Amino acid sequence: MNNMYVSVDIETTGLNPENCQVLEIGAVIDDGTTPIEGCPTFHCYVDHGLILGEPFAVSMHSAILRRIATHEEGCTYLQPWEVATRFHDFLKEHGLDPENEKIVVAGKNYASFDARFLRKLTNWDKHIRVHHRILHPAALYWQPEIDGVELPDTKTCMQRAGIGGEVAHTAVEDARTVALLIRRAIDDRQTLAPDNALLAS
């Protein structure tokens, strides 16, 4: 059985997909065993030609916009209509079949945010079929006695998982962080499993 999932993160020019745009896409395919840094990685900047968005969000991404404007070497730049095909090919190359099988996606806010932007890209839904259940890492680190009804943010999840550093706010690094958070939660559960089994007996 294929137990791979894809951790996805994007950077955008704002919060509303109707008048804002995807600037950067990062994705990591996790099989649960390959070291995170060695997992297959997809990364591209999306070159829209004309940038639309919200001033604050656009100002936060000046480095990304500079790379897109100058096509800095060492990066991949795709037109909006190229992204879905290239991402589809990446998934196929690494053992997933997004046209015939729904892929499992992980992400901080994939269902409520990322998916709404990605569907605006040409033929995204045609080439990429996603399972309706999304892996949200915050649910794995939720402590209701502390958090109440709100899920913890990424920084809090990292602290609870014992992961140092800051939230990167770059697509690939944030996608890797999500995969690492899921790994840590699974490892912790497996470590506790023998004790739980003894208690059950």
N, C-alpha and C. Protein backbone atom coordinates (compact mmCIF):
# COMPACT_ATOMS: atom_id res chain seq x y z
N MET A 1 0.85 -1.20 0.00
CA MET A 1 0.00 0.00 0.00
C MET A 1 0.88 1.25 0.00
N ASN A 2 0.51 2.22 -0.82
CA ASN A 2 1.27 3.47 -0.90
C ASN A 2 0.96 4.32 0.32
N ASN A 3 1.98 4.58 1.15
CA ASN A 3 1.74 5.38 2.35
C ASN A 3 2.37 6.76 2.23
N MET A 4 2.66 7.19 1.01
CA MET A 4 3.26 8.50 0.81
C MET A 4 2.21 9.60 0.86
N TYR A 5 2.61 10.74 1.34
CA TYR A 5 1.77 11.93 1.27
C TYR A 5 2.64 13.09 0.80
N VAL A 6 2.00 14.19 0.44
CA VAL A 6 2.72 15.36 -0.07
C VAL A 6 2.47 16.55 0.84
N SER A 7 3.53 17.10 1.39
CA SER A 7 3.44 18.32 2.19
C SER A 7 3.59 19.51 1.26
N VAL A 8 2.62 20.41 1.28
CA VAL A 8 2.57 21.52 0.32
C VAL A 8 2.50 22.85 1.07
N ASP A 9 3.23 23.83 0.56
CA ASP A 9 3.14 25.18 1.10
C ASP A 9 3.27 26.18 -0.04
N ILE A 10 2.58 27.31 0.09
CA ILE A 10 2.67 28.35 -0.94
C ILE A 10 2.90 29.70 -0.28
N GLU A 11 3.41 30.63 -1.08
CA GLU A 11 3.49 32.04 -0.69
C GLU A 11 2.67 32.82 -1.70
N THR A 12 1.92 33.80 -1.22
CA THR A 12 0.99 34.52 -2.09
C THR A 12 1.11 36.04 -1.91
N THR A 13 0.44 36.76 -2.79
CA THR A 13 0.45 38.22 -2.71
C THR A 13 -0.69 38.76 -1.84
N GLY A 14 -1.38 37.88 -1.13
CA GLY A 14 -2.46 38.32 -0.27
C GLY A 14 -3.32 37.16 0.17
N LEU A 15 -4.48 37.47 0.74
CA LEU A 15 -5.33 36.45 1.34
C LEU A 15 -6.50 36.01 0.47
N ASN A 16 -6.84 36.81 -0.53
CA ASN A 16 -8.02 36.52 -1.34
C ASN A 16 -7.63 35.99 -2.72
N PRO A 17 -7.93 34.73 -3.03
CA PRO A 17 -7.53 34.17 -4.32
C PRO A 17 -8.23 34.81 -5.51
N GLU A 18 -9.27 35.59 -5.26
CA GLU A 18 -9.97 36.24 -6.37
C GLU A 18 -9.18 37.42 -6.92
N ASN A 19 -8.34 38.05 -6.09
CA ASN A 19 -7.58 39.19 -6.59
C ASN A 19 -6.11 39.17 -6.15
N CYS A 20 -5.66 38.01 -5.67
CA CYS A 20 -4.25 37.85 -5.30
C CYS A 20 -3.69 36.62 -6.01
N GLN A 21 -2.38 36.41 -5.93
CA GLN A 21 -1.74 35.39 -6.75
C GLN A 21 -0.77 34.52 -5.95
N VAL A 22 -0.57 33.30 -6.45
CA VAL A 22 0.49 32.43 -5.92
C VAL A 22 1.82 32.90 -6.48
N LEU A 23 2.81 33.09 -5.62
CA LEU A 23 4.15 33.48 -6.06
C LEU A 23 5.14 32.32 -6.00
N GLU A 24 4.97 31.45 -5.02
CA GLU A 24 5.95 30.38 -4.79
C GLU A 24 5.22 29.13 -4.33
N ILE A 25 5.67 27.97 -4.81
CA ILE A 25 5.10 26.69 -4.41
C ILE A 25 6.24 25.76 -4.00
N GLY A 26 6.09 25.15 -2.84
CA GLY A 26 7.05 24.14 -2.39
C GLY A 26 6.30 22.90 -1.97
N ALA A 27 6.87 21.73 -2.26
CA ALA A 27 6.23 20.47 -1.88
C ALA A 27 7.29 19.43 -1.59
N VAL A 28 6.99 18.57 -0.63
CA VAL A 28 7.89 17.48 -0.24
C VAL A 28 7.08 16.20 -0.18
N ILE A 29 7.55 15.15 -0.84
CA ILE A 29 6.90 13.84 -0.77
C ILE A 29 7.55 13.06 0.37
N ASP A 30 6.73 12.68 1.34
CA ASP A 30 7.26 11.96 2.51
C ASP A 30 6.76 10.53 2.50
N ASP A 31 7.71 9.58 2.58
CA ASP A 31 7.34 8.16 2.67
C ASP A 31 7.49 7.62 4.08
N GLY A 32 7.85 8.49 5.01
CA GLY A 32 7.94 8.08 6.40
C GLY A 32 9.28 7.50 6.81
N THR A 33 10.16 7.24 5.85
CA THR A 33 11.45 6.62 6.19
C THR A 33 12.65 7.40 5.67
N THR A 34 12.54 7.97 4.48
CA THR A 34 13.64 8.75 3.92
C THR A 34 13.90 9.98 4.78
N PRO A 35 15.17 10.29 5.09
CA PRO A 35 15.44 11.53 5.83
C PRO A 35 14.78 12.73 5.15
N ILE A 36 14.20 13.61 5.96
CA ILE A 36 13.41 14.72 5.41
C ILE A 36 14.19 15.51 4.36
N GLU A 37 15.47 15.77 4.62
CA GLU A 37 16.27 16.56 3.68
C GLU A 37 16.47 15.83 2.36
N GLY A 38 16.29 14.50 2.37
CA GLY A 38 16.48 13.72 1.15
C GLY A 38 15.19 13.39 0.43
N CYS A 39 14.05 13.81 0.98
CA CYS A 39 12.76 13.53 0.33
C CYS A 39 12.64 14.30 -0.99
N PRO A 40 11.97 13.71 -1.99
CA PRO A 40 11.76 14.42 -3.26
C PRO A 40 11.10 15.78 -3.03
N THR A 41 11.63 16.79 -3.67
CA THR A 41 11.18 18.17 -3.43
C THR A 41 10.83 18.86 -4.74
N PHE A 42 9.70 19.56 -4.71
CA PHE A 42 9.27 20.39 -5.85
C PHE A 42 9.32 21.84 -5.41
N HIS A 43 9.86 22.70 -6.26
CA HIS A 43 9.90 24.12 -5.94
C HIS A 43 9.85 24.94 -7.21
N CYS A 44 9.00 25.95 -7.22
CA CYS A 44 8.99 26.87 -8.36
C CYS A 44 8.47 28.22 -7.91
N TYR A 45 8.85 29.24 -8.69
CA TYR A 45 8.25 30.56 -8.59
C TYR A 45 7.29 30.70 -9.76
N VAL A 46 6.16 31.37 -9.52
CA VAL A 46 5.14 31.53 -10.56
C VAL A 46 5.24 32.94 -11.13
N ASP A 47 5.53 33.02 -12.42
CA ASP A 47 5.72 34.30 -13.10
C ASP A 47 4.42 34.71 -13.80
N HIS A 48 3.69 35.62 -13.16
CA HIS A 48 2.41 36.06 -13.71
C HIS A 48 2.57 37.20 -14.71
N GLY A 49 3.76 37.79 -14.79
CA GLY A 49 3.94 38.95 -15.65
C GLY A 49 3.51 40.22 -14.96
N LEU A 50 2.22 40.30 -14.65
CA LEU A 50 1.67 41.44 -13.92
C LEU A 50 1.28 40.98 -12.52
N ILE A 51 1.80 41.66 -11.50
CA ILE A 51 1.54 41.25 -10.12
C ILE A 51 0.33 41.98 -9.57
N LEU A 52 -0.60 41.20 -9.00
CA LEU A 52 -1.78 41.72 -8.34
C LEU A 52 -1.79 41.24 -6.89
N GLY A 53 -2.18 42.10 -5.98
CA GLY A 53 -2.22 41.66 -4.59
C GLY A 53 -2.41 42.79 -3.61
N GLU A 54 -2.20 42.47 -2.35
CA GLU A 54 -2.38 43.42 -1.26
C GLU A 54 -1.02 44.02 -0.88
N PRO A 55 -0.94 45.32 -0.67
CA PRO A 55 0.36 45.98 -0.45
C PRO A 55 1.20 45.36 0.65
N PHE A 56 0.60 45.03 1.78
CA PHE A 56 1.39 44.48 2.88
C PHE A 56 2.01 43.14 2.50
N ALA A 57 1.19 42.26 1.91
CA ALA A 57 1.69 40.94 1.53
C ALA A 57 2.76 41.06 0.45
N VAL A 58 2.53 41.93 -0.52
CA VAL A 58 3.51 42.12 -1.59
C VAL A 58 4.83 42.62 -1.03
N SER A 59 4.76 43.55 -0.07
CA SER A 59 5.99 44.09 0.53
C SER A 59 6.77 43.03 1.29
N MET A 60 6.09 42.03 1.82
CA MET A 60 6.77 40.95 2.54
C MET A 60 7.57 40.05 1.61
N HIS A 61 7.22 40.06 0.33
CA HIS A 61 7.83 39.12 -0.62
C HIS A 61 8.73 39.81 -1.64
N SER A 62 9.40 40.86 -1.20
CA SER A 62 10.26 41.60 -2.14
C SER A 62 11.38 40.73 -2.71
N ALA A 63 11.92 39.82 -1.90
CA ALA A 63 13.00 38.96 -2.39
C ALA A 63 12.49 38.01 -3.46
N ILE A 64 11.30 37.46 -3.26
CA ILE A 64 10.70 36.57 -4.26
C ILE A 64 10.44 37.34 -5.55
N LEU A 65 9.87 38.52 -5.42
CA LEU A 65 9.55 39.31 -6.61
C LEU A 65 10.80 39.71 -7.36
N ARG A 66 11.88 39.96 -6.63
CA ARG A 66 13.15 40.30 -7.29
C ARG A 66 13.67 39.11 -8.10
N ARG A 67 13.55 37.91 -7.52
CA ARG A 67 14.00 36.72 -8.25
C ARG A 67 13.16 36.51 -9.51
N ILE A 68 11.86 36.69 -9.38
CA ILE A 68 10.98 36.51 -10.54
C ILE A 68 11.30 37.54 -11.62
N ALA A 69 11.52 38.79 -11.20
CA ALA A 69 11.78 39.87 -12.16
C ALA A 69 13.08 39.67 -12.91
N THR A 70 14.10 39.13 -12.22
CA THR A 70 15.42 38.98 -12.84
C THR A 70 15.71 37.56 -13.30
N HIS A 71 14.79 36.63 -12.98
CA HIS A 71 15.02 35.20 -13.26
C HIS A 71 16.41 34.78 -12.78
N GLU A 72 16.63 35.04 -11.49
CA GLU A 72 17.88 34.67 -10.85
C GLU A 72 18.21 33.20 -11.13
N GLU A 73 19.47 32.92 -11.44
CA GLU A 73 19.88 31.57 -11.80
C GLU A 73 19.70 30.61 -10.63
N GLY A 74 19.48 29.34 -10.95
CA GLY A 74 19.36 28.30 -9.95
C GLY A 74 17.94 28.06 -9.46
N CYS A 75 16.96 28.78 -10.01
CA CYS A 75 15.56 28.64 -9.60
C CYS A 75 14.72 28.25 -10.81
N THR A 76 13.55 27.71 -10.54
CA THR A 76 12.60 27.35 -11.59
C THR A 76 11.48 28.38 -11.62
N TYR A 77 11.21 28.90 -12.81
CA TYR A 77 10.16 29.91 -12.98
C TYR A 77 9.15 29.35 -13.98
N LEU A 78 7.89 29.30 -13.59
CA LEU A 78 6.84 28.75 -14.44
C LEU A 78 5.73 29.76 -14.66
N GLN A 79 5.14 29.71 -15.85
CA GLN A 79 3.94 30.49 -16.10
C GLN A 79 2.78 29.80 -15.38
N PRO A 80 1.71 30.54 -15.04
CA PRO A 80 0.60 29.94 -14.29
C PRO A 80 0.02 28.70 -14.96
N TRP A 81 0.01 28.68 -16.29
CA TRP A 81 -0.58 27.54 -17.00
C TRP A 81 0.37 26.33 -17.09
N GLU A 82 1.60 26.50 -16.66
CA GLU A 82 2.55 25.39 -16.68
C GLU A 82 2.61 24.62 -15.36
N VAL A 83 2.17 25.24 -14.28
CA VAL A 83 2.43 24.70 -12.94
C VAL A 83 1.79 23.34 -12.73
N ALA A 84 0.50 23.19 -13.06
CA ALA A 84 -0.20 21.94 -12.79
C ALA A 84 0.44 20.77 -13.51
N THR A 85 0.82 20.97 -14.77
CA THR A 85 1.45 19.89 -15.53
C THR A 85 2.78 19.49 -14.93
N ARG A 86 3.58 20.48 -14.56
CA ARG A 86 4.90 20.19 -13.99
C ARG A 86 4.78 19.51 -12.64
N PHE A 87 3.83 19.95 -11.83
CA PHE A 87 3.64 19.33 -10.52
C PHE A 87 3.13 17.90 -10.68
N HIS A 88 2.22 17.71 -11.61
CA HIS A 88 1.73 16.36 -11.93
C HIS A 88 2.88 15.44 -12.32
N ASP A 89 3.76 15.93 -13.19
CA ASP A 89 4.89 15.12 -13.64
C ASP A 89 5.84 14.79 -12.49
N PHE A 90 6.04 15.74 -11.60
CA PHE A 90 6.87 15.51 -10.42
C PHE A 90 6.28 14.39 -9.56
N LEU A 91 4.98 14.43 -9.31
CA LEU A 91 4.34 13.40 -8.50
C LEU A 91 4.45 12.03 -9.16
N LYS A 92 4.20 11.98 -10.48
CA LYS A 92 4.29 10.71 -11.22
C LYS A 92 5.70 10.15 -11.16
N GLU A 93 6.69 11.01 -11.30
CA GLU A 93 8.09 10.59 -11.30
C GLU A 93 8.46 9.90 -9.99
N HIS A 94 7.77 10.27 -8.92
CA HIS A 94 8.13 9.74 -7.60
C HIS A 94 7.06 8.79 -7.04
N GLY A 95 6.32 8.16 -7.95
CA GLY A 95 5.48 7.03 -7.54
C GLY A 95 4.04 7.33 -7.20
N LEU A 96 3.58 8.55 -7.42
CA LEU A 96 2.19 8.90 -7.17
C LEU A 96 1.45 9.05 -8.50
N ASP A 97 0.14 8.86 -8.47
CA ASP A 97 -0.66 8.93 -9.70
C ASP A 97 -1.83 9.88 -9.48
N PRO A 98 -1.58 11.19 -9.54
CA PRO A 98 -2.58 12.17 -9.12
C PRO A 98 -3.80 12.28 -10.02
N GLU A 99 -3.75 11.69 -11.22
CA GLU A 99 -4.93 11.73 -12.09
C GLU A 99 -5.90 10.60 -11.78
N ASN A 100 -5.37 9.47 -11.32
CA ASN A 100 -6.21 8.29 -11.10
C ASN A 100 -6.40 7.93 -9.64
N GLU A 101 -5.56 8.47 -8.76
CA GLU A 101 -5.69 8.22 -7.33
C GLU A 101 -5.59 9.55 -6.58
N LYS A 102 -6.46 9.76 -5.63
CA LYS A 102 -6.39 10.98 -4.85
C LYS A 102 -5.17 10.95 -3.95
N ILE A 103 -4.36 12.00 -4.04
CA ILE A 103 -3.16 12.05 -3.20
C ILE A 103 -3.52 12.65 -1.84
N VAL A 104 -2.81 12.19 -0.82
CA VAL A 104 -2.98 12.74 0.53
C VAL A 104 -2.05 13.93 0.67
N VAL A 105 -2.60 15.06 1.08
CA VAL A 105 -1.83 16.30 1.20
C VAL A 105 -1.76 16.72 2.67
N ALA A 106 -0.61 17.23 3.05
CA ALA A 106 -0.43 17.83 4.37
C ALA A 106 -0.11 19.31 4.20
N GLY A 107 -0.55 20.10 5.16
CA GLY A 107 -0.24 21.52 5.09
C GLY A 107 -0.82 22.27 6.27
N LYS A 108 -0.24 23.42 6.56
CA LYS A 108 -0.69 24.21 7.71
C LYS A 108 -2.13 24.68 7.54
N ASN A 109 -2.43 25.18 6.36
CA ASN A 109 -3.79 25.68 6.10
C ASN A 109 -4.21 25.29 4.68
N TYR A 110 -3.86 24.08 4.27
CA TYR A 110 -4.07 23.71 2.88
C TYR A 110 -5.54 23.80 2.47
N ALA A 111 -6.41 23.19 3.24
CA ALA A 111 -7.82 23.13 2.84
C ALA A 111 -8.46 24.50 2.76
N SER A 112 -8.15 25.36 3.73
CA SER A 112 -8.83 26.66 3.80
C SER A 112 -8.12 27.76 3.03
N PHE A 113 -6.86 27.55 2.67
CA PHE A 113 -6.09 28.63 2.03
C PHE A 113 -5.40 28.17 0.75
N ASP A 114 -4.41 27.30 0.88
CA ASP A 114 -3.59 26.92 -0.27
C ASP A 114 -4.43 26.37 -1.43
N ALA A 115 -5.37 25.47 -1.11
CA ALA A 115 -6.15 24.83 -2.18
C ALA A 115 -6.95 25.84 -2.98
N ARG A 116 -7.44 26.88 -2.34
CA ARG A 116 -8.24 27.89 -3.03
C ARG A 116 -7.40 28.65 -4.05
N PHE A 117 -6.12 28.88 -3.73
CA PHE A 117 -5.22 29.55 -4.67
C PHE A 117 -4.78 28.60 -5.79
N LEU A 118 -4.44 27.39 -5.42
CA LEU A 118 -3.93 26.44 -6.42
C LEU A 118 -4.98 26.11 -7.46
N ARG A 119 -6.24 26.08 -7.07
CA ARG A 119 -7.31 25.79 -8.03
C ARG A 119 -7.48 26.89 -9.07
N LYS A 120 -6.93 28.06 -8.80
CA LYS A 120 -6.98 29.15 -9.78
C LYS A 120 -5.96 28.95 -10.90
N LEU A 121 -4.98 28.06 -10.68
CA LEU A 121 -3.98 27.80 -11.71
C LEU A 121 -4.58 26.91 -12.79
N THR A 122 -4.21 27.15 -14.03
CA THR A 122 -4.80 26.45 -15.17
C THR A 122 -4.71 24.94 -15.02
N ASN A 123 -5.87 24.27 -15.13
CA ASN A 123 -6.00 22.81 -15.14
C ASN A 123 -5.52 22.13 -13.86
N TRP A 124 -5.46 22.86 -12.76
CA TRP A 124 -5.00 22.22 -11.52
C TRP A 124 -5.90 21.04 -11.14
N ASP A 125 -7.21 21.25 -11.10
CA ASP A 125 -8.13 20.18 -10.70
C ASP A 125 -8.15 19.05 -11.72
N LYS A 126 -7.80 19.33 -12.96
CA LYS A 126 -7.76 18.29 -13.99
C LYS A 126 -6.58 17.34 -13.75
N HIS A 127 -5.44 17.90 -13.37
CA HIS A 127 -4.21 17.10 -13.25
C HIS A 127 -3.94 16.60 -11.82
N ILE A 128 -4.48 17.29 -10.81
CA ILE A 128 -4.15 16.97 -9.43
C ILE A 128 -5.43 16.65 -8.65
N ARG A 129 -5.59 15.38 -8.30
CA ARG A 129 -6.73 14.97 -7.48
C ARG A 129 -6.25 14.80 -6.04
N VAL A 130 -6.94 15.48 -5.13
CA VAL A 130 -6.50 15.51 -3.72
C VAL A 130 -7.58 14.89 -2.84
N HIS A 131 -7.15 14.05 -1.91
CA HIS A 131 -8.08 13.46 -0.95
C HIS A 131 -8.71 14.58 -0.12
N HIS A 132 -9.99 14.40 0.20
CA HIS A 132 -10.69 15.47 0.92
C HIS A 132 -10.23 15.60 2.37
N ARG A 133 -9.61 14.56 2.92
CA ARG A 133 -9.08 14.66 4.28
C ARG A 133 -7.62 15.12 4.21
N ILE A 134 -7.33 16.24 4.85
CA ILE A 134 -6.01 16.86 4.80
C ILE A 134 -5.29 16.65 6.14
N LEU A 135 -3.98 16.36 6.07
CA LEU A 135 -3.18 16.23 7.28
C LEU A 135 -2.78 17.63 7.76
N HIS A 136 -3.33 18.04 8.88
CA HIS A 136 -2.99 19.35 9.45
C HIS A 136 -2.13 19.10 10.68
N PRO A 137 -0.86 19.48 10.67
CA PRO A 137 0.04 19.13 11.78
C PRO A 137 -0.39 19.71 13.12
N ALA A 138 -1.08 20.84 13.11
CA ALA A 138 -1.45 21.48 14.37
C ALA A 138 -2.37 20.58 15.20
N ALA A 139 -3.19 19.76 14.53
CA ALA A 139 -4.09 18.88 15.26
C ALA A 139 -3.32 17.86 16.10
N LEU A 140 -2.10 17.53 15.67
CA LEU A 140 -1.27 16.55 16.38
C LEU A 140 -0.63 17.14 17.64
N TYR A 141 -0.60 18.46 17.72
CA TYR A 141 0.04 19.13 18.87
C TYR A 141 -0.94 19.98 19.67
N TRP A 142 -2.20 19.80 19.40
CA TRP A 142 -3.25 20.56 20.10
C TRP A 142 -3.35 20.11 21.55
N GLN A 143 -3.27 21.06 22.46
CA GLN A 143 -3.45 20.81 23.89
C GLN A 143 -4.64 21.65 24.36
N PRO A 144 -5.84 21.07 24.36
CA PRO A 144 -7.05 21.87 24.62
C PRO A 144 -7.04 22.59 25.95
N GLU A 145 -6.36 22.01 26.96
CA GLU A 145 -6.33 22.67 28.26
C GLU A 145 -5.53 23.97 28.22
N ILE A 146 -4.66 24.10 27.21
CA ILE A 146 -3.87 25.33 27.01
C ILE A 146 -4.41 26.16 25.86
N ASP A 147 -4.75 25.50 24.77
CA ASP A 147 -5.10 26.20 23.53
C ASP A 147 -6.57 26.55 23.43
N GLY A 148 -7.41 25.93 24.25
CA GLY A 148 -8.84 26.14 24.09
C GLY A 148 -9.31 25.52 22.80
N VAL A 149 -10.10 26.26 22.03
CA VAL A 149 -10.63 25.72 20.77
C VAL A 149 -9.73 26.05 19.58
N GLU A 150 -8.68 26.85 19.80
CA GLU A 150 -7.80 27.25 18.71
C GLU A 150 -6.65 26.26 18.54
N LEU A 151 -6.37 25.88 17.30
CA LEU A 151 -5.21 25.04 17.04
C LEU A 151 -3.93 25.87 17.20
N PRO A 152 -2.85 25.26 17.68
CA PRO A 152 -1.61 26.02 17.87
C PRO A 152 -0.99 26.42 16.54
N ASP A 153 -0.24 27.54 16.53
CA ASP A 153 0.44 27.96 15.32
C ASP A 153 1.69 27.11 15.12
N THR A 154 2.35 27.31 13.99
CA THR A 154 3.49 26.46 13.63
C THR A 154 4.62 26.58 14.64
N LYS A 155 4.90 27.78 15.10
CA LYS A 155 5.97 27.99 16.07
C LYS A 155 5.71 27.20 17.35
N THR A 156 4.48 27.23 17.83
CA THR A 156 4.12 26.48 19.04
C THR A 156 4.26 24.98 18.80
N CYS A 157 3.82 24.52 17.63
CA CYS A 157 3.97 23.09 17.29
C CYS A 157 5.44 22.69 17.29
N MET A 158 6.29 23.53 16.72
CA MET A 158 7.72 23.24 16.69
C MET A 158 8.28 23.13 18.11
N GLN A 159 7.89 24.03 18.98
CA GLN A 159 8.37 24.01 20.36
C GLN A 159 7.92 22.73 21.06
N ARG A 160 6.68 22.34 20.87
CA ARG A 160 6.17 21.14 21.52
C ARG A 160 6.81 19.87 20.95
N ALA A 161 7.25 19.94 19.69
CA ALA A 161 7.91 18.79 19.07
C ALA A 161 9.41 18.76 19.35
N GLY A 162 9.92 19.81 19.99
CA GLY A 162 11.35 19.88 20.26
C GLY A 162 12.18 20.25 19.04
N ILE A 163 11.56 20.98 18.11
CA ILE A 163 12.25 21.42 16.89
C ILE A 163 12.70 22.86 17.09
N GLY A 164 13.98 23.11 16.98
CA GLY A 164 14.50 24.46 17.17
C GLY A 164 14.34 25.32 15.94
N GLY A 165 14.68 26.60 16.08
CA GLY A 165 14.65 27.52 14.95
C GLY A 165 13.34 28.28 14.85
N GLU A 166 13.25 29.07 13.79
CA GLU A 166 12.07 29.90 13.54
C GLU A 166 11.31 29.36 12.33
N VAL A 167 10.06 29.79 12.21
CA VAL A 167 9.27 29.46 11.02
C VAL A 167 9.89 30.20 9.84
N ALA A 168 10.21 29.46 8.77
CA ALA A 168 10.99 30.03 7.67
C ALA A 168 10.20 30.99 6.80
N HIS A 169 8.92 30.70 6.57
CA HIS A 169 8.08 31.47 5.65
C HIS A 169 8.65 31.44 4.23
N THR A 170 9.31 30.34 3.89
CA THR A 170 9.63 30.04 2.49
C THR A 170 8.98 28.70 2.20
N ALA A 171 8.50 28.52 0.97
CA ALA A 171 7.60 27.41 0.67
C ALA A 171 8.21 26.04 0.96
N VAL A 172 9.41 25.78 0.48
CA VAL A 172 10.00 24.45 0.66
C VAL A 172 10.31 24.18 2.13
N GLU A 173 10.91 25.15 2.80
CA GLU A 173 11.27 24.94 4.20
C GLU A 173 10.02 24.75 5.07
N ASP A 174 8.97 25.49 4.78
CA ASP A 174 7.74 25.32 5.55
C ASP A 174 7.11 23.96 5.26
N ALA A 175 7.19 23.50 4.01
CA ALA A 175 6.67 22.16 3.68
C ALA A 175 7.47 21.08 4.41
N ARG A 176 8.79 21.27 4.48
CA ARG A 176 9.63 20.31 5.22
C ARG A 176 9.29 20.32 6.72
N THR A 177 9.05 21.51 7.26
CA THR A 177 8.71 21.61 8.67
C THR A 177 7.43 20.85 8.98
N VAL A 178 6.43 20.97 8.11
CA VAL A 178 5.18 20.23 8.30
C VAL A 178 5.44 18.73 8.30
N ALA A 179 6.25 18.25 7.34
CA ALA A 179 6.57 16.82 7.28
C ALA A 179 7.31 16.37 8.54
N LEU A 180 8.22 17.21 9.02
CA LEU A 180 8.98 16.87 10.22
C LEU A 180 8.07 16.83 11.45
N LEU A 181 7.13 17.76 11.55
CA LEU A 181 6.18 17.75 12.66
C LEU A 181 5.35 16.47 12.66
N ILE A 182 4.92 16.05 11.49
CA ILE A 182 4.14 14.81 11.39
C ILE A 182 5.00 13.62 11.79
N ARG A 183 6.25 13.59 11.32
CA ARG A 183 7.17 12.50 11.68
C ARG A 183 7.33 12.42 13.20
N ARG A 184 7.59 13.58 13.83
CA ARG A 184 7.84 13.60 15.27
C ARG A 184 6.61 13.09 16.03
N ALA A 185 5.42 13.50 15.59
CA ALA A 185 4.20 13.06 16.26
C ALA A 185 4.01 11.55 16.13
N ILE A 186 4.29 11.01 14.95
CA ILE A 186 4.17 9.57 14.74
C ILE A 186 5.20 8.82 15.58
N ASP A 187 6.43 9.33 15.60
CA ASP A 187 7.49 8.69 16.40
C ASP A 187 7.11 8.67 17.88
N ASP A 188 6.58 9.79 18.37
CA ASP A 188 6.19 9.86 19.78
C ASP A 188 5.08 8.86 20.07
N ARG A 189 4.13 8.72 19.15
CA ARG A 189 3.03 7.78 19.36
C ARG A 189 3.54 6.35 19.39
N GLN A 190 4.48 6.02 18.49
CA GLN A 190 5.02 4.67 18.46
C GLN A 190 5.85 4.38 19.70
N THR A 191 6.54 5.41 20.22
CA THR A 191 7.32 5.22 21.45
C THR A 191 6.42 4.92 22.63
N LEU A 192 5.25 5.56 22.66
CA LEU A 192 4.32 5.36 23.77
C LEU A 192 3.49 4.09 23.64
N ALA A 193 3.43 3.54 22.42
CA ALA A 193 2.55 2.40 22.17
C ALA A 193 2.80 1.20 23.09
N PRO A 194 4.06 0.78 23.34
CA PRO A 194 4.26 -0.37 24.23
C PRO A 194 3.68 -0.14 25.63
N ASP A 195 3.87 1.07 26.18
CA ASP A 195 3.32 1.38 27.49
C ASP A 195 1.81 1.32 27.50
N ASN A 196 1.21 1.84 26.40
CA ASN A 196 -0.24 1.81 26.30
C ASN A 196 -0.75 0.39 26.24
N ALA A 197 -0.01 -0.47 25.53
CA ALA A 197 -0.41 -1.86 25.43
C ALA A 197 -0.37 -2.54 26.80
N LEU A 198 0.64 -2.20 27.63
CA LEU A 198 0.73 -2.78 28.96
C LEU A 198 -0.43 -2.32 29.84
N LEU A 199 -0.78 -1.03 29.70
CA LEU A 199 -1.89 -0.51 30.50
C LEU A 199 -3.20 -1.19 30.11
N ALA A 200 -3.34 -1.45 28.80
CA ALA A 200 -4.57 -2.07 28.31
C ALA A 200 -4.72 -3.49 28.82
N SER A 201 -3.61 -4.17 29.06
CA SER A 201 -3.65 -5.56 29.51
C SER A 201 -3.95 -5.63 31.01
